[in-house]
Protein backbone atom coordinates (compact mmCIF):
# COMPACT_ATOMS: atom_id res chain seq x y z
CA MET A 1 17.06 -38.71 5.36
CA LYS A 2 17.81 -35.02 5.84
CA ILE A 3 21.52 -34.14 5.91
CA PRO A 4 22.22 -30.92 7.85
CA THR A 5 24.55 -28.40 6.22
CA GLU A 6 26.16 -25.36 7.82
CA PRO A 7 28.83 -22.77 6.97
CA ILE A 8 31.91 -22.30 9.12
CA GLY A 9 31.83 -18.52 9.49
CA SER A 10 33.88 -15.98 7.61
CA ILE A 11 33.20 -14.53 4.16
CA PRO A 12 35.69 -12.28 2.32
CA ARG A 13 34.98 -8.62 3.09
CA PRO A 14 34.06 -6.17 0.31
CA ALA A 15 37.13 -4.53 -1.26
CA GLU A 16 36.04 -1.08 -0.03
CA LEU A 17 35.85 -2.35 3.55
CA VAL A 18 39.22 -4.11 3.37
CA ALA A 19 40.81 -0.90 2.07
CA ALA A 20 39.28 1.10 4.92
CA ILE A 21 40.53 -1.42 7.51
CA THR A 22 44.06 -1.84 6.14
CA ALA A 23 44.67 1.81 5.18
CA PRO A 24 42.31 3.94 7.28
CA SER A 25 41.91 7.58 6.40
CA ASN A 26 40.11 10.50 8.00
CA GLY A 27 36.52 10.82 6.95
CA THR A 28 35.98 7.14 6.18
CA ASP A 29 32.59 5.98 7.47
CA ILE A 30 33.83 2.63 8.76
CA LYS A 31 30.59 1.92 10.65
CA GLY A 32 28.60 2.51 7.49
CA LEU A 33 30.86 0.15 5.58
CA TYR A 34 30.50 -2.48 8.30
CA ASP A 35 26.71 -2.20 8.33
CA LYS A 36 26.52 -2.50 4.54
CA ALA A 37 28.89 -5.50 4.53
CA ILE A 38 26.82 -7.36 7.12
CA SER A 39 23.57 -6.60 5.31
CA ASP A 40 24.97 -7.68 1.94
CA THR A 41 26.48 -10.84 3.45
CA VAL A 42 23.23 -11.94 5.08
CA SER A 43 21.34 -11.23 1.85
CA GLU A 44 23.80 -13.22 -0.27
CA PHE A 45 23.73 -16.08 2.24
CA GLU A 46 19.95 -16.25 1.92
CA LYS A 47 20.19 -16.32 -1.88
CA THR A 48 22.32 -19.50 -1.70
CA GLY A 49 19.44 -21.29 0.02
CA SER A 50 21.58 -21.95 3.08
CA PRO A 51 19.33 -23.15 5.92
CA VAL A 52 21.79 -21.74 8.47
CA ILE A 53 23.77 -18.52 8.02
CA THR A 54 26.38 -16.33 9.72
CA ASP A 55 27.29 -12.65 9.61
CA GLY A 56 30.40 -13.62 7.63
CA GLU A 57 32.56 -12.19 10.44
CA GLN A 58 32.53 -8.89 8.54
CA THR A 59 33.35 -6.77 11.60
CA LYS A 60 35.87 -9.10 13.27
CA SER A 61 39.56 -8.28 13.02
CA SER A 62 40.06 -12.02 12.91
CA PHE A 63 38.43 -15.17 14.22
CA VAL A 64 40.93 -15.32 17.09
CA THR A 65 41.55 -11.70 18.13
CA TYR A 66 38.04 -10.24 18.38
CA PRO A 67 37.94 -10.51 22.23
CA LEU A 68 41.22 -8.58 22.44
CA GLU A 69 40.37 -5.55 20.30
CA GLY A 70 41.05 -2.36 22.22
CA LEU A 71 42.60 -3.93 25.32
CA SER A 72 45.36 -1.83 26.88
CA ASN A 73 47.13 -4.67 28.70
CA LEU A 74 48.61 -6.30 25.61
CA ALA A 75 52.01 -6.09 23.92
CA ALA A 76 53.26 -7.26 20.53
CA GLU A 77 55.68 -10.12 19.93
CA GLY A 78 53.56 -13.01 21.14
CA MET A 79 53.47 -16.52 19.68
CA ARG A 80 54.20 -16.60 15.96
CA ILE A 81 52.21 -18.91 13.67
CA ASP A 82 54.03 -19.71 10.44
CA PHE A 83 52.22 -20.67 7.23
CA GLU A 84 53.68 -22.88 4.53
CA ASP A 85 53.91 -20.04 1.98
CA GLY A 86 56.28 -18.11 4.26
CA HIS A 87 53.94 -15.54 5.83
CA PHE A 88 52.99 -15.57 9.50
CA ARG A 89 50.49 -14.27 12.02
CA GLN A 90 51.47 -13.24 15.52
CA LEU A 91 49.47 -13.27 18.72
CA PRO A 92 49.83 -10.49 21.31
CA LEU A 93 51.13 -11.01 24.84
CA LEU A 94 49.22 -10.21 28.01
CA THR A 95 51.13 -7.72 30.20
CA SER A 96 48.94 -7.53 33.30
CA GLY A 97 45.81 -8.94 34.88
CA PRO A 98 43.00 -9.47 35.30
CA PHE A 99 42.12 -10.81 31.85
CA LYS A 100 38.74 -9.75 30.46
CA TYR A 101 37.31 -9.77 26.95
CA SER A 102 36.81 -6.38 25.35
CA ASN A 103 34.25 -7.78 22.88
CA TYR A 104 31.85 -10.68 23.07
CA ALA A 105 30.58 -12.60 20.05
CA VAL A 106 26.94 -11.97 20.93
CA LYS A 107 27.17 -8.50 19.41
CA TYR A 108 27.93 -10.03 16.01
CA LEU A 109 25.07 -12.48 16.45
CA LYS A 110 22.57 -9.75 17.31
CA ALA A 111 23.55 -7.70 14.26
CA ALA A 112 22.90 -10.63 11.93
CA GLN A 113 19.68 -11.72 13.61
CA LYS A 114 18.16 -8.30 12.99
CA LEU A 115 18.54 -8.86 9.25
CA THR A 116 17.15 -12.36 8.78
CA HIS A 117 14.57 -14.88 9.93
CA ARG A 118 16.96 -17.75 9.15
CA PRO A 119 18.77 -19.56 11.99
CA VAL A 120 22.12 -17.89 12.70
CA LYS A 121 25.14 -19.73 14.11
CA GLN A 122 27.97 -17.94 15.87
CA ALA A 123 31.66 -18.75 15.94
CA VAL A 124 33.73 -18.09 19.07
CA ILE A 125 37.41 -18.52 19.75
CA SER A 126 38.66 -21.34 21.96
CA ALA A 127 40.03 -21.01 25.45
CA SER A 128 43.05 -22.98 24.27
CA ALA A 129 43.93 -20.42 21.59
CA LEU A 130 43.68 -17.48 23.97
CA SER A 131 45.69 -19.35 26.61
CA LEU A 132 48.69 -18.73 24.37
CA ILE A 133 48.74 -14.99 25.14
CA TYR A 134 50.05 -15.56 28.68
CA PRO A 135 53.85 -14.98 28.63
CA GLN A 136 56.21 -17.83 29.39
CA ASN A 137 58.03 -15.69 31.96
CA GLY A 138 54.80 -15.02 33.83
CA ILE A 139 53.26 -11.77 35.07
CA ALA A 140 54.14 -10.27 38.44
CA GLY A 141 51.14 -10.45 40.75
CA TYR A 142 49.03 -12.45 38.29
CA THR A 143 49.75 -16.15 38.10
CA GLN A 144 49.03 -18.37 35.13
CA ALA A 145 46.50 -20.26 37.26
CA GLU A 146 44.64 -17.00 37.96
CA PHE A 147 44.73 -16.14 34.27
CA ILE A 148 43.30 -19.53 33.31
CA GLU A 149 40.38 -19.12 35.73
CA ASP A 150 39.62 -15.67 34.27
CA LEU A 151 39.95 -17.07 30.75
CA LEU A 152 37.54 -19.94 31.43
CA ASP A 153 35.01 -17.51 32.92
CA GLU A 154 35.24 -15.23 29.88
CA CYS A 155 35.02 -18.06 27.36
CA GLU A 156 31.96 -19.44 29.14
CA LYS A 157 30.38 -15.98 29.13
CA ASP A 158 31.10 -15.60 25.40
CA ILE A 159 29.30 -18.86 24.62
CA ARG A 160 26.44 -18.50 27.12
CA GLN A 161 25.50 -15.04 25.88
CA CYS A 162 25.15 -16.45 22.35
CA LEU A 163 23.01 -19.37 23.53
CA ASP A 164 20.81 -17.01 25.55
CA GLN A 165 20.43 -14.82 22.45
CA GLY A 166 19.08 -17.79 20.50
CA ALA A 167 22.08 -18.82 18.40
CA TYR A 168 21.30 -21.90 16.30
CA LYS A 169 24.73 -23.27 17.18
CA VAL A 170 27.83 -21.88 18.86
CA GLN A 171 30.97 -23.13 17.14
CA MET A 172 34.33 -22.99 18.89
CA ASP A 173 37.19 -22.51 16.43
CA PHE A 174 40.01 -24.89 17.37
CA THR A 175 42.48 -24.67 14.48
CA GLU A 176 45.36 -24.78 16.95
CA GLY A 177 44.45 -28.42 17.63
CA ARG A 178 46.24 -29.78 14.60
CA LEU A 179 48.98 -27.17 14.93
CA SER A 180 49.70 -28.33 18.48
CA LEU A 181 50.90 -31.67 17.12
CA LYS A 182 53.44 -29.83 15.00
CA LEU A 183 54.70 -27.97 18.04
CA ASP A 184 54.61 -31.05 20.28
CA PRO A 185 54.44 -34.39 18.41
CA SER A 186 54.07 -36.22 21.74
CA GLY A 187 50.49 -34.95 21.98
CA GLY A 188 50.95 -33.41 25.41
CA VAL A 189 49.95 -29.92 24.28
CA LEU A 190 46.94 -31.29 22.42
CA ARG A 191 45.80 -33.16 25.53
CA HIS A 192 46.19 -29.96 27.55
CA PHE A 193 44.13 -28.04 24.97
CA ILE A 194 41.37 -30.68 24.99
CA ASP A 195 41.21 -30.64 28.79
CA LEU A 196 41.17 -26.83 28.89
CA ASN A 197 38.31 -26.56 26.40
CA ASN A 198 36.37 -29.28 28.19
CA ARG A 199 36.65 -27.24 31.38
CA VAL A 200 34.54 -24.69 29.48
CA PHE A 201 32.14 -27.16 27.86
CA ASN A 202 31.54 -28.98 31.15
CA ARG A 203 29.97 -25.80 32.55
CA PHE A 204 27.04 -26.37 30.20
CA SER A 205 24.15 -28.81 30.43
CA LYS A 206 24.01 -31.90 28.22
CA GLU A 207 21.23 -30.18 26.28
CA ASP A 208 23.32 -27.07 25.68
CA GLN A 209 26.34 -29.17 24.73
CA GLN A 210 24.32 -30.47 21.77
CA LYS A 211 24.10 -26.86 20.55
CA LEU A 212 27.87 -26.49 20.77
CA GLY A 213 30.38 -27.49 18.12
CA VAL A 214 34.10 -27.45 17.39
CA HIS A 215 35.78 -26.62 14.09
CA VAL A 216 39.22 -27.93 13.12
CA CYS A 217 41.36 -27.40 10.04
CA PRO A 218 45.07 -27.01 9.22
CA GLY A 219 44.70 -23.24 9.02
CA ASP A 220 43.49 -21.08 6.16
CA ASP A 221 45.06 -17.70 5.43
CA HIS A 222 45.93 -16.29 2.02
CA ASP A 223 45.26 -19.76 0.58
CA SER A 224 47.95 -21.28 2.79
CA THR A 225 47.95 -23.62 5.80
CA HIS A 226 50.04 -24.02 8.93
CA SER A 227 49.68 -27.72 9.71
CA ALA A 228 48.38 -29.68 6.71
CA ASP A 229 51.43 -31.92 6.99
CA ILE A 230 50.21 -33.26 10.34
CA ASP A 231 48.37 -36.59 10.13
CA TYR A 232 44.69 -36.14 10.90
CA ALA A 233 44.67 -39.57 12.54
CA ASP A 234 46.86 -38.12 15.31
CA LEU A 235 44.22 -35.48 16.09
CA ILE A 236 40.85 -37.18 15.70
CA PRO A 237 41.02 -39.71 18.58
CA SER A 238 41.44 -36.88 21.11
CA LEU A 239 39.16 -34.49 19.25
CA PHE A 240 36.04 -36.57 19.85
CA ASP A 241 36.72 -36.43 23.60
CA LEU A 242 35.44 -32.85 23.50
CA ASN A 243 32.01 -32.64 25.11
CA VAL A 244 30.03 -31.07 22.27
CA GLY A 245 27.49 -32.34 19.78
CA SER A 246 28.89 -31.11 16.45
CA PHE A 247 32.31 -31.41 14.82
CA TYR A 248 33.14 -29.37 11.71
CA LEU A 249 35.99 -31.17 9.97
CA GLN A 250 38.07 -29.99 7.03
CA LEU A 251 38.15 -32.86 4.55
CA ALA A 252 37.73 -31.75 0.91
CA SER A 253 41.36 -30.63 0.66
CA GLU A 254 42.71 -33.66 2.52
CA LYS A 255 45.01 -35.91 0.47
CA ASP A 256 43.73 -39.20 1.92
CA ARG A 257 40.05 -38.67 2.72
CA ILE A 258 39.32 -42.37 3.12
CA LYS A 259 41.90 -42.73 5.89
CA VAL A 260 40.33 -39.78 7.70
CA LEU A 261 36.81 -41.16 7.26
CA LYS A 262 37.87 -44.52 8.66
CA THR A 263 39.34 -42.77 11.69
CA ILE A 264 36.16 -40.71 12.19
CA LYS A 265 34.11 -43.91 12.01
CA GLN A 266 36.25 -45.47 14.72
CA TYR A 267 36.09 -42.62 17.22
CA LEU A 268 32.79 -40.78 16.59
CA LYS A 269 30.49 -41.18 19.61
CA PRO A 270 26.72 -41.88 19.32
CA ASN A 271 25.69 -38.37 20.44
CA GLN A 272 28.02 -36.59 18.00
CA THR A 273 27.52 -35.35 14.44
CA ALA A 274 30.42 -35.08 11.99
CA PHE A 275 30.03 -32.20 9.54
CA ILE A 276 32.52 -33.12 6.85
CA GLY A 277 34.12 -30.48 4.66
CA VAL A 278 32.92 -30.84 1.07
CA ILE A 279 34.20 -27.46 -0.15
CA ASP A 280 37.92 -26.76 -0.56
CA VAL A 281 38.23 -23.09 0.39
CA LEU A 282 41.87 -23.00 -0.72
CA ASN A 283 41.00 -23.91 -4.32
CA PRO A 284 39.61 -21.07 -6.50
CA ILE A 285 37.76 -23.58 -8.69
CA VAL A 286 34.10 -23.75 -7.71
CA GLU A 287 32.94 -27.30 -7.03
CA THR A 288 29.95 -28.60 -8.96
CA PRO A 289 26.95 -29.87 -7.01
CA GLU A 290 27.78 -33.32 -8.40
CA THR A 291 31.29 -33.16 -6.93
CA VAL A 292 29.81 -32.25 -3.56
CA ARG A 293 27.27 -35.07 -3.90
CA ASP A 294 30.00 -37.59 -4.53
CA ARG A 295 31.98 -36.40 -1.50
CA VAL A 296 28.89 -36.78 0.69
CA LEU A 297 28.19 -40.26 -0.66
CA GLU A 298 31.81 -41.20 -0.02
CA ALA A 299 31.49 -40.06 3.60
CA ALA A 300 28.17 -41.88 3.99
CA GLY A 301 30.03 -45.12 3.40
CA TYR A 302 31.76 -44.64 6.76
CA ILE A 303 29.64 -42.29 8.89
CA PRO A 304 26.05 -43.19 9.88
CA ILE A 305 23.64 -40.96 7.95
CA LYS A 306 21.97 -39.76 11.15
CA GLN A 307 25.37 -38.50 12.33
CA LEU A 308 26.49 -36.95 9.04
CA GLY A 309 26.43 -33.29 8.02
CA THR A 310 28.25 -31.11 5.49
CA THR A 311 30.20 -27.89 5.77
CA ASP A 312 33.05 -25.96 4.16
CA ASP A 313 36.62 -26.89 5.00
CA CYS A 314 37.13 -23.58 6.78
CA GLY A 315 35.97 -20.01 6.81
CA PHE A 316 36.78 -18.20 3.57
CA SER A 317 38.55 -15.25 5.21
CA PRO A 318 39.40 -15.84 8.88
CA PHE A 319 41.57 -12.70 8.95
CA CYS A 320 40.06 -9.41 7.83
CA ASP A 321 42.77 -8.56 5.28
CA ASP A 322 42.63 -11.91 3.45
CA ILE A 323 41.32 -11.31 -0.07
CA SER A 324 42.75 -14.46 -1.66
CA THR A 325 39.19 -15.61 -2.38
CA THR A 326 36.52 -13.32 -3.79
CA ARG A 327 33.11 -12.88 -2.19
CA GLU A 328 31.51 -14.12 -5.40
CA THR A 329 33.54 -17.33 -5.37
CA ALA A 330 32.75 -17.94 -1.69
CA PHE A 331 28.99 -17.70 -2.23
CA GLU A 332 29.14 -19.82 -5.39
CA LYS A 333 30.93 -22.51 -3.40
CA ILE A 334 28.38 -22.30 -0.60
CA LYS A 335 25.55 -22.66 -3.12
CA ALA A 336 27.27 -25.73 -4.57
CA ARG A 337 27.45 -27.22 -1.05
CA ILE A 338 23.73 -26.66 -0.51
CA GLU A 339 22.73 -28.12 -3.87
CA GLY A 340 25.20 -31.00 -3.70
CA THR A 341 24.03 -31.99 -0.23
CA LYS A 342 20.45 -32.13 -1.53
CA LEU A 343 21.54 -34.33 -4.43
CA ALA A 344 23.18 -36.69 -1.94
CA GLU A 345 20.02 -36.77 0.17
CA GLU A 346 17.99 -37.77 -2.90
CA LYS A 347 20.49 -40.47 -3.83
CA LEU A 348 20.59 -41.91 -0.31
CA SER A 349 16.80 -41.87 -0.04
CA SER A 350 16.22 -43.68 -3.33
């Protein structure tokens, strides 16, 4: 039985590129650095034997802000996301309407596809995450309801362009799912997020929905998380109500994997595949293929083989300035995932 395996998305940027982004200077050929980073990333992905690759998000400012780059109707001091090590990230605030993306993910997809014959998946940001940029006090002449309609249109366009371009999968990043339960333990915000994202997914055919996926984790930035203390069992029942075919679930770093696997078993629907995280991106130690194998076999005790896949817990560098993990370590971990998944296949087939 073949077990599918896919990356999440981001790979740490080369040091030269990070320096150019964080401390730009006149004369720096940033486009040249971007082009080289994408080319090197695709090449290194291929060397791991990965059947599905990404562009490593080398030219994204972050997994969440790429549609906002260059917009003039934004202000600072939006929602603040605190990480357990004390640092934080902050979203911008929308100041006027209408809301339109400045960048669409298809441009990243096209750049990678030119460099490989392998299937390329593309990550996009969720409607629920971007809904947080609308200010609580509202915007004169532009209601929240009007904003949401514009947002849904733009999110649909972001996904549809990638599907039309031949993306292997389009993965919506939904890390705010678990975080929402920290902000609102009643689950009301989570339910709102699920409904909002389904308003996007429901615009697609059942066939296209099988090419769509959702990724969840407790955050990953500078080897720190924002919601690992939230019980996964509070998220998963609602998560599988999302109308997509693939779910990419952080699991390797989870303290009680068996509890999570039991919950997945209970709520996973017949037309859904659970890609379980077998690589802990927060841990600098590179897993052995045997460790990955054992994690897959553990999961196979709860998830039907035909609905089981493997992935990494998260992207390795969701924000462009995160160098807590080296590129070399990221690709070594990906290679271990590929080899370990194959070992599990052999074991399960014997």
